[in-house]
Amino acid sequence: MNETFNQKLVTYTLENAGHFYIIENVPAKVCEETGEQLFAPSTVEQIRSLVLGHTKPVRVVETPVFKFVN
C-alpha cells in the first residue's frame, strides 16, 4: 500500500489527569488515505510544554460529556 503524507495544520486533543486540552494549528504529516497524523518530536515536546507549563490558553471552552450505553 502506497501512502501519501502531506504537511497540514491539525487540531490535537489530549486528556491529562482528568482535564481535556485542545491545541490548534499543530503541524503534522497527515496520511491522505487513512488520516493518520505524524508529529515531529519537537512538536510533541512543545505540546507537552503547553499543557504542563504555565502557558495561558487563548480561550476556554465548555465541553459536554456523554456516556455511551449499548
Protein backbone atom coordinates (compact mmCIF):
# COMPACT_ATOMS: atom_id res chain seq x y z
CA MET A 1 0.00 0.00 0.00
CA ASN A 2 1.41 3.35 -1.04
CA GLU A 3 0.57 6.09 1.46
CA THR A 4 0.75 9.79 0.70
CA PHE A 5 1.59 12.16 3.57
CA ASN A 6 1.10 15.92 3.31
CA GLN A 7 2.08 18.64 5.77
CA LYS A 8 -1.01 20.20 7.37
CA LEU A 9 -2.09 22.11 10.47
CA VAL A 10 -4.37 20.00 12.68
CA THR A 11 -6.22 20.28 15.97
CA TYR A 12 -4.72 18.00 18.63
CA THR A 13 -6.80 16.88 21.63
CA LEU A 14 -5.38 15.45 24.82
CA GLU A 15 -6.65 14.20 28.17
CA ASN A 16 -4.30 14.52 31.13
CA ALA A 17 -5.19 13.98 34.79
CA GLY A 18 -8.92 14.28 34.09
CA HIS A 19 -8.56 17.52 32.13
CA PHE A 20 -9.05 17.90 28.39
CA TYR A 21 -6.89 20.14 26.26
CA ILE A 22 -7.31 21.34 22.67
CA ILE A 23 -4.25 22.58 20.82
CA GLU A 24 -4.97 24.27 17.49
CA ASN A 25 -2.74 24.77 14.45
CA VAL A 26 -0.36 21.90 15.22
CA PRO A 27 1.93 20.97 12.30
CA ALA A 28 1.62 17.31 11.32
CA LYS A 29 2.19 14.99 8.40
CA VAL A 30 -1.26 13.59 7.56
CA CYS A 31 -1.86 10.45 5.51
CA GLU A 32 -4.34 11.22 2.71
CA GLU A 33 -5.60 7.61 2.66
CA THR A 34 -6.03 6.87 6.38
CA GLY A 35 -5.97 10.25 8.17
CA GLU A 36 -3.08 9.06 10.36
CA GLN A 37 -1.21 12.01 11.87
CA LEU A 38 2.56 12.02 12.46
CA PHE A 39 4.20 14.63 14.69
CA ALA A 40 7.85 15.65 14.89
CA PRO A 41 9.46 15.02 18.31
CA SER A 42 9.95 18.78 18.76
CA THR A 43 6.22 19.33 18.14
CA VAL A 44 5.30 16.73 20.77
CA GLU A 45 7.66 18.41 23.24
CA GLN A 46 6.08 21.81 22.55
CA ILE A 47 2.57 20.34 23.12
CA ARG A 48 3.81 18.85 26.40
CA SER A 49 5.25 22.21 27.46
CA LEU A 50 1.97 23.99 26.65
CA VAL A 51 -0.13 21.55 28.68
CA LEU A 52 2.19 21.03 31.64
CA GLY A 53 3.65 24.54 31.72
CA HIS A 54 2.15 27.80 32.81
CA THR A 55 1.09 28.99 29.36
CA LYS A 56 -2.22 30.82 29.46
CA PRO A 57 -4.76 29.38 26.97
CA VAL A 58 -6.10 31.67 24.23
CA ARG A 59 -9.63 30.70 25.28
CA VAL A 60 -11.50 28.15 27.41
CA VAL A 61 -14.46 26.15 26.08
CA GLU A 62 -17.13 24.14 27.87
CA THR A 63 -17.36 20.56 26.63
CA PRO A 64 -20.41 18.29 27.03
CA VAL A 65 -19.68 14.72 28.14
CA PHE A 66 -21.85 11.77 27.14
CA LYS A 67 -21.80 8.18 28.35
CA PHE A 68 -22.11 5.58 25.61
CA VAL A 69 -24.76 2.99 26.51
CA ASN A 70 -25.45 -0.07 24.40
